[in-house]
């Protein structure tokens, strides 16, 4: 997987997390407070102005009560 594919997968995961947040009535402010960051940081992340990065995705997921799991496959 190259860098472009990785960024695409990270964005897809973030999109799913944002959808979960919205479906569960959580605001960006709720996520920010739970993650210990500013609401503007959450906004920047959600609007694609910053690459999500794995640690930010995990922090976001924890803030909305979701666990991220990974499956490793051999080629």
Protein backbone atom coordinates (compact mmCIF):
# COMPACT_ATOMS: atom_id res chain seq x y z
CA UNK A 1 0.00 0.00 0.00
CA UNK A 2 1.46 3.33 -0.98
CA UNK A 3 1.04 6.69 0.74
CA UNK A 4 -1.92 7.74 -1.41
CA UNK A 5 -3.78 4.50 -0.64
CA UNK A 6 -3.06 4.87 3.08
CA UNK A 7 -4.39 8.44 3.15
CA UNK A 8 -7.49 7.30 1.26
CA UNK A 9 -8.10 4.50 3.80
CA UNK A 10 -7.56 6.87 6.72
CA UNK A 11 -10.04 9.34 5.22
CA UNK A 12 -12.58 6.56 4.65
CA UNK A 13 -12.25 5.51 8.29
CA UNK A 14 -12.67 9.11 9.43
CA UNK A 15 -15.78 9.45 7.25
CA UNK A 16 -17.26 6.38 8.97
CA UNK A 17 -16.42 7.79 12.40
CA UNK A 18 -18.01 11.15 11.58
CA UNK A 19 -21.14 9.37 10.35
CA UNK A 20 -21.26 7.44 13.63
CA UNK A 21 -20.83 10.70 15.58
CA UNK A 22 -23.69 12.35 13.71
CA UNK A 23 -25.99 9.32 14.01
CA UNK A 24 -25.44 9.30 17.77
CA UNK A 25 -26.13 12.99 18.29
CA UNK A 26 -22.63 14.00 19.28
CA UNK A 27 -21.35 17.46 18.38
CA UNK A 28 -17.82 18.39 17.42
CA UNK A 29 -17.64 20.07 20.82
CA UNK A 30 -18.54 16.79 22.54
CA UNK A 31 -15.78 14.97 20.69
CA UNK A 32 -13.29 17.74 21.39
CA UNK A 33 -14.03 17.75 25.12
CA UNK A 34 -13.72 13.98 25.35
CA UNK A 35 -10.50 13.95 23.28
CA UNK A 36 -8.94 16.86 25.14
CA UNK A 37 -8.55 19.06 22.06
CA UNK A 38 -10.23 22.19 20.74
CA UNK A 39 -13.44 22.08 18.71
CA UNK A 40 -11.57 23.78 15.88
CA UNK A 41 -9.09 20.88 15.81
CA UNK A 42 -11.99 18.47 15.31
CA UNK A 43 -13.44 20.72 12.61
CA UNK A 44 -10.12 20.88 10.75
CA UNK A 45 -9.79 17.10 10.94
CA UNK A 46 -13.35 16.42 9.77
CA UNK A 47 -13.14 18.90 6.91
CA UNK A 48 -10.02 17.29 5.45
CA UNK A 49 -7.76 20.26 6.09
CA UNK A 50 -5.36 17.94 7.90
CA UNK A 51 -4.52 14.31 7.24
CA UNK A 52 -6.17 12.24 9.97
CA UNK A 53 -3.18 10.11 10.97
CA UNK A 54 -3.57 6.89 12.94
CA UNK A 55 -3.18 8.39 16.40
CA UNK A 56 -5.77 11.09 15.68
CA UNK A 57 -8.18 8.47 14.35
CA UNK A 58 -7.77 6.38 17.50
CA UNK A 59 -8.24 9.43 19.74
CA UNK A 60 -11.36 10.45 17.79
CA UNK A 61 -12.77 6.91 17.92
CA UNK A 62 -12.20 6.69 21.68
CA UNK A 63 -13.94 10.03 22.14
CA UNK A 64 -17.08 8.76 20.42
CA UNK A 65 -16.99 5.36 22.12
CA UNK A 66 -15.82 3.28 19.15
CA UNK A 67 -12.99 0.78 19.10
CA UNK A 68 -10.83 0.52 15.98
CA UNK A 69 -9.60 -2.98 15.21
CA UNK A 70 -7.24 -4.08 12.48
CA UNK A 71 -6.86 -7.28 10.52
CA UNK A 72 -3.48 -8.13 9.12
CA UNK A 73 -3.44 -10.23 5.97
CA UNK A 74 -0.55 -11.93 4.26
CA UNK A 75 -0.16 -11.30 0.57
